[in-house]
Amino acid sequence: MRASDHVRLTTHALKLWFIAQTKDSLAVALLWLVGLEILRVPGAPLWAAVAFFLQYIPNFGPVLTLVGPMVAEGIEGVLGGDWMKLLYVLILYAVIAVIDGLVLQPYIMKRTVLVPIWASILAPIVLGFFLGFWGVLLAAPLLAVVYAYRRHRLVQVGAAQR
């Protein structure tokens, strides 16, 4: 392969990863919107929009998403005295994190980037263990590129066998 072929293949894989990440961010934002509306959290559409953008930041983004609704509920708790909604927002966060990490992200990566579900779950754990934050940050785009090269190689081998 020429260098331009490598660039084209890698760029295409990263484009597909970005599309998958955008779909995941949209799904998470919708989950936040529905959950926050059910809980009647002030500014729910704003917090859902923030969740959409922060979802692009692995590990820290989802946690930062929690800050806005928690502050809104904290202010409402001080003024109105209903502190249980803070607990409900934390439960909502936990439910969304589990759904996203174990269902949405692996499924969307499988459908869009053709990365197996097991690899989507295992790669951030393994790379995070060896490379820390950078391993987790780079796991998904790296998987997209690795599987793009794997598919390309399988197509070449299949063509050579004909």
N, C-alpha and C. Protein backbone atom coordinates (compact mmCIF):
# COMPACT_ATOMS: atom_id res chain seq x y z
N MET A 1 0.83 -1.18 0.00
CA MET A 1 0.00 0.00 0.00
C MET A 1 0.88 1.25 0.00
N ARG A 2 0.42 2.23 -0.74
CA ARG A 2 1.12 3.51 -0.75
C ARG A 2 0.70 4.32 0.47
N ALA A 3 1.47 5.34 0.76
CA ALA A 3 1.18 6.21 1.91
C ALA A 3 -0.20 6.85 1.78
N SER A 4 -0.56 7.23 0.56
CA SER A 4 -1.88 7.86 0.37
C SER A 4 -3.01 6.87 0.66
N ASP A 5 -2.79 5.59 0.38
CA ASP A 5 -3.79 4.57 0.70
C ASP A 5 -3.94 4.41 2.22
N HIS A 6 -2.82 4.45 2.92
CA HIS A 6 -2.86 4.38 4.38
C HIS A 6 -3.62 5.57 4.96
N VAL A 7 -3.33 6.75 4.44
CA VAL A 7 -4.00 7.96 4.91
C VAL A 7 -5.50 7.87 4.63
N ARG A 8 -5.87 7.43 3.44
CA ARG A 8 -7.28 7.32 3.07
C ARG A 8 -8.01 6.31 3.97
N LEU A 9 -7.39 5.15 4.19
CA LEU A 9 -8.01 4.11 5.01
C LEU A 9 -8.16 4.58 6.47
N THR A 10 -7.12 5.19 6.99
CA THR A 10 -7.17 5.68 8.37
C THR A 10 -8.17 6.81 8.53
N THR A 11 -8.19 7.73 7.58
CA THR A 11 -9.13 8.84 7.63
C THR A 11 -10.57 8.34 7.57
N HIS A 12 -10.83 7.38 6.71
CA HIS A 12 -12.17 6.82 6.60
C HIS A 12 -12.58 6.14 7.90
N ALA A 13 -11.66 5.39 8.51
CA ALA A 13 -11.96 4.72 9.78
C ALA A 13 -12.26 5.73 10.88
N LEU A 14 -11.48 6.80 10.94
CA LEU A 14 -11.71 7.82 11.96
C LEU A 14 -13.00 8.59 11.70
N LYS A 15 -13.35 8.77 10.44
CA LYS A 15 -14.63 9.42 10.11
C LYS A 15 -15.79 8.55 10.60
N LEU A 16 -15.70 7.25 10.37
CA LEU A 16 -16.75 6.35 10.83
C LEU A 16 -16.82 6.33 12.36
N TRP A 17 -15.65 6.38 13.02
CA TRP A 17 -15.64 6.44 14.48
C TRP A 17 -16.33 7.72 14.96
N PHE A 18 -16.04 8.85 14.31
CA PHE A 18 -16.65 10.12 14.71
C PHE A 18 -18.18 10.07 14.53
N ILE A 19 -18.62 9.45 13.46
CA ILE A 19 -20.06 9.29 13.24
C ILE A 19 -20.67 8.42 14.35
N ALA A 20 -19.99 7.33 14.70
CA ALA A 20 -20.47 6.46 15.78
C ALA A 20 -20.51 7.22 17.11
N GLN A 21 -19.48 8.01 17.37
CA GLN A 21 -19.42 8.78 18.61
C GLN A 21 -20.53 9.83 18.66
N THR A 22 -20.83 10.42 17.52
CA THR A 22 -21.91 11.41 17.45
C THR A 22 -23.26 10.74 17.71
N LYS A 23 -23.47 9.56 17.15
CA LYS A 23 -24.71 8.82 17.41
C LYS A 23 -24.83 8.48 18.90
N ASP A 24 -23.72 8.05 19.49
CA ASP A 24 -23.72 7.73 20.91
C ASP A 24 -24.01 8.97 21.74
N SER A 25 -23.40 10.09 21.39
CA SER A 25 -23.63 11.34 22.13
C SER A 25 -25.09 11.77 22.03
N LEU A 26 -25.66 11.60 20.87
CA LEU A 26 -27.08 11.96 20.69
C LEU A 26 -27.97 11.04 21.54
N ALA A 27 -27.68 9.76 21.55
CA ALA A 27 -28.47 8.82 22.35
C ALA A 27 -28.37 9.14 23.83
N VAL A 28 -27.16 9.45 24.30
CA VAL A 28 -26.98 9.79 25.70
C VAL A 28 -27.70 11.09 26.04
N ALA A 29 -27.62 12.06 25.15
CA ALA A 29 -28.32 13.33 25.38
C ALA A 29 -29.82 13.11 25.48
N LEU A 30 -30.35 12.24 24.63
CA LEU A 30 -31.79 11.94 24.70
C LEU A 30 -32.16 11.24 26.00
N LEU A 31 -31.29 10.33 26.45
CA LEU A 31 -31.54 9.67 27.74
C LEU A 31 -31.54 10.69 28.88
N TRP A 32 -30.57 11.62 28.84
CA TRP A 32 -30.53 12.67 29.85
C TRP A 32 -31.78 13.54 29.79
N LEU A 33 -32.18 13.92 28.59
CA LEU A 33 -33.35 14.78 28.44
C LEU A 33 -34.60 14.11 29.01
N VAL A 34 -34.82 12.87 28.64
CA VAL A 34 -36.00 12.16 29.13
C VAL A 34 -35.94 12.01 30.65
N GLY A 35 -34.79 11.58 31.15
CA GLY A 35 -34.65 11.38 32.59
C GLY A 35 -34.81 12.66 33.39
N LEU A 36 -34.19 13.72 32.91
CA LEU A 36 -34.28 15.00 33.63
C LEU A 36 -35.68 15.60 33.54
N GLU A 37 -36.34 15.38 32.41
CA GLU A 37 -37.73 15.87 32.30
C GLU A 37 -38.64 15.09 33.24
N ILE A 38 -38.43 13.79 33.35
CA ILE A 38 -39.23 12.98 34.28
C ILE A 38 -39.01 13.47 35.71
N LEU A 39 -37.76 13.81 36.05
CA LEU A 39 -37.44 14.29 37.39
C LEU A 39 -37.78 15.77 37.58
N ARG A 40 -38.17 16.42 36.50
CA ARG A 40 -38.50 17.86 36.51
C ARG A 40 -37.33 18.71 37.00
N VAL A 41 -36.15 18.43 36.45
CA VAL A 41 -34.96 19.21 36.78
C VAL A 41 -34.97 20.50 35.96
N PRO A 42 -34.77 21.65 36.61
CA PRO A 42 -34.75 22.91 35.86
C PRO A 42 -33.63 22.92 34.80
N GLY A 43 -33.95 23.38 33.61
CA GLY A 43 -32.96 23.48 32.53
C GLY A 43 -32.63 22.15 31.88
N ALA A 44 -33.53 21.20 31.91
CA ALA A 44 -33.26 19.86 31.36
C ALA A 44 -32.76 19.89 29.92
N PRO A 45 -33.36 20.68 29.01
CA PRO A 45 -32.83 20.70 27.64
C PRO A 45 -31.38 21.21 27.57
N LEU A 46 -31.06 22.19 28.40
CA LEU A 46 -29.68 22.71 28.43
C LEU A 46 -28.72 21.62 28.90
N TRP A 47 -29.08 20.91 29.97
CA TRP A 47 -28.19 19.87 30.49
C TRP A 47 -28.06 18.71 29.51
N ALA A 48 -29.10 18.42 28.76
CA ALA A 48 -29.02 17.37 27.73
C ALA A 48 -28.08 17.80 26.60
N ALA A 49 -28.14 19.08 26.23
CA ALA A 49 -27.23 19.59 25.19
C ALA A 49 -25.78 19.56 25.68
N VAL A 50 -25.57 19.90 26.93
CA VAL A 50 -24.23 19.83 27.51
C VAL A 50 -23.76 18.37 27.51
N ALA A 51 -24.65 17.45 27.84
CA ALA A 51 -24.31 16.02 27.84
C ALA A 51 -23.87 15.57 26.45
N PHE A 52 -24.55 16.08 25.42
CA PHE A 52 -24.18 15.73 24.04
C PHE A 52 -22.72 16.07 23.77
N PHE A 53 -22.31 17.27 24.10
CA PHE A 53 -20.95 17.71 23.79
C PHE A 53 -19.91 17.06 24.71
N LEU A 54 -20.24 16.91 25.99
CA LEU A 54 -19.28 16.33 26.92
C LEU A 54 -19.10 14.83 26.72
N GLN A 55 -20.02 14.19 26.04
CA GLN A 55 -19.92 12.75 25.79
C GLN A 55 -18.70 12.41 24.92
N TYR A 56 -18.18 13.39 24.20
CA TYR A 56 -17.00 13.16 23.37
C TYR A 56 -15.73 12.99 24.21
N ILE A 57 -15.76 13.41 25.47
CA ILE A 57 -14.60 13.31 26.35
C ILE A 57 -14.74 12.02 27.16
N PRO A 58 -13.89 11.02 26.91
CA PRO A 58 -14.03 9.76 27.63
C PRO A 58 -13.82 9.95 29.14
N ASN A 59 -14.56 9.22 29.92
CA ASN A 59 -14.48 9.16 31.37
C ASN A 59 -14.84 10.47 32.08
N PHE A 60 -14.22 11.56 31.73
CA PHE A 60 -14.47 12.82 32.43
C PHE A 60 -15.73 13.52 31.93
N GLY A 61 -16.04 13.40 30.66
CA GLY A 61 -17.21 14.07 30.10
C GLY A 61 -18.51 13.67 30.76
N PRO A 62 -18.78 12.36 30.88
CA PRO A 62 -20.03 11.97 31.54
C PRO A 62 -20.11 12.43 33.00
N VAL A 63 -18.98 12.46 33.70
CA VAL A 63 -18.99 12.93 35.08
C VAL A 63 -19.25 14.43 35.12
N LEU A 64 -18.63 15.16 34.19
CA LEU A 64 -18.87 16.61 34.14
C LEU A 64 -20.32 16.92 33.77
N THR A 65 -20.94 16.04 33.01
CA THR A 65 -22.35 16.21 32.66
C THR A 65 -23.22 16.25 33.91
N LEU A 66 -22.81 15.53 34.91
CA LEU A 66 -23.58 15.43 36.14
C LEU A 66 -23.58 16.73 36.95
N VAL A 67 -22.57 17.58 36.76
CA VAL A 67 -22.42 18.78 37.58
C VAL A 67 -23.61 19.73 37.44
N GLY A 68 -24.03 20.01 36.21
CA GLY A 68 -25.12 20.96 35.99
C GLY A 68 -26.42 20.56 36.65
N PRO A 69 -26.92 19.35 36.38
CA PRO A 69 -28.16 18.94 37.05
C PRO A 69 -28.03 18.88 38.58
N MET A 70 -26.86 18.51 39.07
CA MET A 70 -26.66 18.45 40.52
C MET A 70 -26.73 19.85 41.14
N VAL A 71 -26.12 20.83 40.47
CA VAL A 71 -26.18 22.21 40.97
C VAL A 71 -27.62 22.71 40.92
N ALA A 72 -28.30 22.45 39.81
CA ALA A 72 -29.69 22.89 39.69
C ALA A 72 -30.56 22.28 40.78
N GLU A 73 -30.36 21.01 41.04
CA GLU A 73 -31.14 20.36 42.09
C GLU A 73 -30.70 20.79 43.48
N GLY A 74 -29.42 21.10 43.63
CA GLY A 74 -28.94 21.60 44.92
C GLY A 74 -29.55 22.94 45.26
N ILE A 75 -29.62 23.82 44.27
CA ILE A 75 -30.26 25.13 44.48
C ILE A 75 -31.74 24.95 44.78
N GLU A 76 -32.37 24.08 44.01
CA GLU A 76 -33.80 23.82 44.26
C GLU A 76 -34.00 23.18 45.63
N GLY A 77 -33.06 22.33 46.04
CA GLY A 77 -33.15 21.70 47.36
C GLY A 77 -33.02 22.70 48.48
N VAL A 78 -32.14 23.68 48.31
CA VAL A 78 -31.98 24.73 49.32
C VAL A 78 -33.24 25.58 49.41
N LEU A 79 -33.81 25.89 48.24
CA LEU A 79 -34.99 26.74 48.22
C LEU A 79 -36.27 25.99 48.57
N GLY A 80 -36.37 24.76 48.09
CA GLY A 80 -37.62 24.03 48.27
C GLY A 80 -37.55 22.91 49.29
N GLY A 81 -36.36 22.49 49.64
CA GLY A 81 -36.21 21.45 50.65
C GLY A 81 -36.32 20.02 50.15
N ASP A 82 -36.44 19.77 48.85
CA ASP A 82 -36.57 18.40 48.33
C ASP A 82 -35.19 17.88 47.92
N TRP A 83 -34.50 17.27 48.87
CA TRP A 83 -33.15 16.79 48.63
C TRP A 83 -33.12 15.41 47.98
N MET A 84 -34.23 14.72 47.96
CA MET A 84 -34.26 13.39 47.35
C MET A 84 -34.00 13.44 45.85
N LYS A 85 -34.32 14.57 45.22
CA LYS A 85 -34.09 14.67 43.77
C LYS A 85 -32.60 14.60 43.44
N LEU A 86 -31.73 15.04 44.37
CA LEU A 86 -30.29 14.89 44.16
C LEU A 86 -29.93 13.41 44.03
N LEU A 87 -30.49 12.61 44.88
CA LEU A 87 -30.25 11.16 44.82
C LEU A 87 -30.79 10.58 43.52
N TYR A 88 -31.96 11.05 43.11
CA TYR A 88 -32.54 10.57 41.85
C TYR A 88 -31.68 10.94 40.65
N VAL A 89 -31.08 12.12 40.68
CA VAL A 89 -30.18 12.53 39.58
C VAL A 89 -28.95 11.63 39.56
N LEU A 90 -28.42 11.29 40.73
CA LEU A 90 -27.28 10.37 40.79
C LEU A 90 -27.65 8.98 40.27
N ILE A 91 -28.83 8.53 40.60
CA ILE A 91 -29.31 7.23 40.10
C ILE A 91 -29.48 7.29 38.58
N LEU A 92 -30.02 8.40 38.08
CA LEU A 92 -30.16 8.58 36.63
C LEU A 92 -28.80 8.51 35.95
N TYR A 93 -27.80 9.19 36.54
CA TYR A 93 -26.45 9.16 35.99
C TYR A 93 -25.92 7.72 35.93
N ALA A 94 -26.09 6.97 37.01
CA ALA A 94 -25.60 5.59 37.06
C ALA A 94 -26.28 4.73 36.00
N VAL A 95 -27.59 4.89 35.85
CA VAL A 95 -28.33 4.12 34.85
C VAL A 95 -27.85 4.46 33.44
N ILE A 96 -27.69 5.75 33.16
CA ILE A 96 -27.23 6.16 31.83
C ILE A 96 -25.81 5.67 31.58
N ALA A 97 -24.94 5.73 32.58
CA ALA A 97 -23.56 5.27 32.41
C ALA A 97 -23.51 3.78 32.09
N VAL A 98 -24.32 2.99 32.77
CA VAL A 98 -24.34 1.54 32.52
C VAL A 98 -24.92 1.25 31.14
N ILE A 99 -26.03 1.89 30.80
CA ILE A 99 -26.64 1.66 29.49
C ILE A 99 -25.68 2.06 28.38
N ASP A 100 -25.02 3.21 28.55
CA ASP A 100 -24.10 3.69 27.51
C ASP A 100 -22.87 2.79 27.40
N GLY A 101 -22.26 2.48 28.52
CA GLY A 101 -21.02 1.71 28.49
C GLY A 101 -21.16 0.27 28.08
N LEU A 102 -22.28 -0.34 28.44
CA LEU A 102 -22.44 -1.77 28.17
C LEU A 102 -23.37 -2.09 27.00
N VAL A 103 -24.17 -1.12 26.57
CA VAL A 103 -25.12 -1.40 25.49
C VAL A 103 -24.91 -0.46 24.31
N LEU A 104 -25.09 0.84 24.53
CA LEU A 104 -25.10 1.80 23.42
C LEU A 104 -23.77 1.87 22.68
N GLN A 105 -22.68 2.18 23.39
CA GLN A 105 -21.39 2.33 22.71
C GLN A 105 -20.97 1.07 21.96
N PRO A 106 -20.98 -0.09 22.61
CA PRO A 106 -20.58 -1.29 21.85
C PRO A 106 -21.49 -1.56 20.65
N TYR A 107 -22.79 -1.37 20.81
CA TYR A 107 -23.72 -1.64 19.70
C TYR A 107 -23.50 -0.66 18.55
N ILE A 108 -23.37 0.61 18.87
CA ILE A 108 -23.18 1.62 17.82
C ILE A 108 -21.83 1.42 17.14
N MET A 109 -20.79 1.10 17.90
CA MET A 109 -19.49 0.83 17.28
C MET A 109 -19.56 -0.38 16.36
N LYS A 110 -20.32 -1.39 16.77
CA LYS A 110 -20.44 -2.59 15.93
C LYS A 110 -21.18 -2.26 14.64
N ARG A 111 -22.25 -1.47 14.73
CA ARG A 111 -23.06 -1.15 13.56
C ARG A 111 -22.37 -0.16 12.63
N THR A 112 -21.68 0.83 13.17
CA THR A 112 -21.11 1.89 12.35
C THR A 112 -19.68 1.60 11.91
N VAL A 113 -18.85 1.16 12.84
CA VAL A 113 -17.42 0.99 12.56
C VAL A 113 -17.06 -0.48 12.37
N LEU A 114 -18.03 -1.37 12.59
CA LEU A 114 -17.83 -2.82 12.45
C LEU A 114 -16.79 -3.37 13.42
N VAL A 115 -16.78 -2.84 14.64
CA VAL A 115 -15.92 -3.34 15.71
C VAL A 115 -16.76 -4.28 16.56
N PRO A 116 -16.26 -5.49 16.85
CA PRO A 116 -17.04 -6.42 17.67
C PRO A 116 -17.35 -5.83 19.05
N ILE A 117 -18.48 -6.22 19.59
CA ILE A 117 -18.91 -5.69 20.89
C ILE A 117 -17.88 -6.02 21.98
N TRP A 118 -17.35 -7.23 21.98
CA TRP A 118 -16.39 -7.61 23.01
C TRP A 118 -15.16 -6.71 22.97
N ALA A 119 -14.72 -6.32 21.77
CA ALA A 119 -13.55 -5.46 21.65
C ALA A 119 -13.84 -4.06 22.15
N SER A 120 -15.06 -3.57 21.92
CA SER A 120 -15.44 -2.24 22.38
C SER A 120 -15.48 -2.16 23.90
N ILE A 121 -15.80 -3.26 24.54
CA ILE A 121 -15.86 -3.28 26.00
C ILE A 121 -14.47 -3.53 26.59
N LEU A 122 -13.72 -4.43 26.00
CA LEU A 122 -12.44 -4.87 26.55
C LEU A 122 -11.29 -3.89 26.28
N ALA A 123 -11.24 -3.29 25.10
CA ALA A 123 -10.11 -2.44 24.72
C ALA A 123 -9.88 -1.26 25.66
N PRO A 124 -10.91 -0.49 26.04
CA PRO A 124 -10.65 0.62 26.97
C PRO A 124 -10.12 0.15 28.32
N ILE A 125 -10.56 -1.02 28.76
CA ILE A 125 -10.08 -1.55 30.05
C ILE A 125 -8.61 -1.91 29.94
N VAL A 126 -8.27 -2.66 28.90
CA VAL A 126 -6.89 -3.12 28.73
C VAL A 126 -5.96 -1.94 28.46
N LEU A 127 -6.32 -1.08 27.51
CA LEU A 127 -5.46 0.06 27.20
C LEU A 127 -5.39 1.03 28.39
N GLY A 128 -6.48 1.17 29.13
CA GLY A 128 -6.47 2.01 30.32
C GLY A 128 -5.53 1.46 31.39
N PHE A 129 -5.46 0.14 31.49
CA PHE A 129 -4.56 -0.48 32.46
C PHE A 129 -3.10 -0.20 32.11
N PHE A 130 -2.77 -0.31 30.82
CA PHE A 130 -1.39 -0.13 30.40
C PHE A 130 -1.00 1.33 30.16
N LEU A 131 -1.90 2.13 29.63
CA LEU A 131 -1.57 3.50 29.25
C LEU A 131 -2.32 4.57 30.06
N GLY A 132 -3.12 4.14 31.00
CA GLY A 132 -3.84 5.09 31.84
C GLY A 132 -4.88 5.87 31.06
N PHE A 133 -4.95 7.16 31.34
CA PHE A 133 -5.93 8.03 30.71
C PHE A 133 -5.83 7.99 29.19
N TRP A 134 -4.60 8.02 28.67
CA TRP A 134 -4.42 8.06 27.21
C TRP A 134 -4.90 6.78 26.56
N GLY A 135 -4.77 5.66 27.23
CA GLY A 135 -5.27 4.40 26.69
C GLY A 135 -6.78 4.41 26.54
N VAL A 136 -7.45 4.93 27.56
CA VAL A 136 -8.91 5.01 27.49
C VAL A 136 -9.34 6.01 26.43
N LEU A 137 -8.63 7.13 26.36
CA LEU A 137 -8.96 8.17 25.39
C LEU A 137 -8.81 7.68 23.95
N LEU A 138 -7.78 6.91 23.70
CA LEU A 138 -7.48 6.48 22.33
C LEU A 138 -8.06 5.11 21.96
N ALA A 139 -8.68 4.43 22.89
CA ALA A 139 -9.15 3.06 22.63
C ALA A 139 -10.14 2.98 21.47
N ALA A 140 -11.17 3.79 21.48
CA ALA A 140 -12.21 3.69 20.45
C ALA A 140 -11.70 4.07 19.06
N PRO A 141 -11.03 5.22 18.88
CA PRO A 141 -10.54 5.52 17.54
C PRO A 141 -9.47 4.53 17.07
N LEU A 142 -8.66 4.04 18.00
CA LEU A 142 -7.64 3.06 17.64
C LEU A 142 -8.29 1.75 17.18
N LEU A 143 -9.34 1.34 17.87
CA LEU A 143 -10.08 0.15 17.44
C LEU A 143 -10.66 0.33 16.03
N ALA A 144 -11.20 1.50 15.76
CA ALA A 144 -11.76 1.76 14.44
C ALA A 144 -10.70 1.61 13.36
N VAL A 145 -9.52 2.14 13.61
CA VAL A 145 -8.43 2.05 12.62
C VAL A 145 -7.94 0.61 12.48
N VAL A 146 -7.75 -0.07 13.60
CA VAL A 146 -7.25 -1.46 13.56
C VAL A 146 -8.22 -2.35 12.79
N TYR A 147 -9.51 -2.22 13.05
CA TYR A 147 -10.48 -3.07 12.35
C TYR A 147 -10.64 -2.65 10.89
N ALA A 148 -10.39 -1.40 10.56
CA ALA A 148 -10.42 -0.99 9.15
C ALA A 148 -9.27 -1.67 8.40
N TYR A 149 -8.08 -1.70 9.00
CA TYR A 149 -6.95 -2.37 8.37
C TYR A 149 -7.19 -3.88 8.31
N ARG A 150 -7.81 -4.43 9.34
CA ARG A 150 -8.11 -5.86 9.34
C ARG A 150 -9.07 -6.21 8.20
N ARG A 151 -10.13 -5.41 8.03
CA ARG A 151 -11.07 -5.65 6.93
C ARG A 151 -10.38 -5.51 5.58
N HIS A 152 -9.53 -4.51 5.47
CA HIS A 152 -8.80 -4.29 4.21
C HIS A 152 -7.92 -5.50 3.89
N ARG A 153 -7.24 -6.02 4.89
CA ARG A 153 -6.38 -7.19 4.69
C ARG A 153 -7.20 -8.41 4.31
N LEU A 154 -8.34 -8.60 4.95
CA LEU A 154 -9.19 -9.74 4.62
C LEU A 154 -9.73 -9.65 3.20
N VAL A 155 -10.06 -8.44 2.75
CA VAL A 155 -10.52 -8.26 1.38
C VAL A 155 -9.39 -8.57 0.40
N GLN A 156 -8.17 -8.14 0.71
CA GLN A 156 -7.03 -8.43 -0.17
C GLN A 156 -6.73 -9.93 -0.22
N VAL A 157 -6.79 -10.60 0.91
CA VAL A 157 -6.54 -12.03 0.94
C VAL A 157 -7.62 -12.76 0.16
N GLY A 158 -8.87 -12.33 0.31
CA GLY A 158 -9.98 -12.94 -0.42
C GLY A 158 -9.84 -12.74 -1.92
N ALA A 159 -9.38 -11.55 -2.32
CA ALA A 159 -9.19 -11.27 -3.75
C ALA A 159 -8.02 -12.08 -4.30
N ALA A 160 -6.99 -12.28 -3.48
CA ALA A 160 -5.82 -13.03 -3.94
C ALA A 160 -6.14 -14.53 -4.09
N GLN A 161 -7.09 -15.02 -3.33
CA GLN A 161 -7.44 -16.43 -3.40
C GLN A 161 -8.32 -16.75 -4.60
N ARG A 162 -8.91 -15.73 -5.20
CA ARG A 162 -9.79 -15.98 -6.36
C ARG A 162 -9.02 -16.21 -7.58
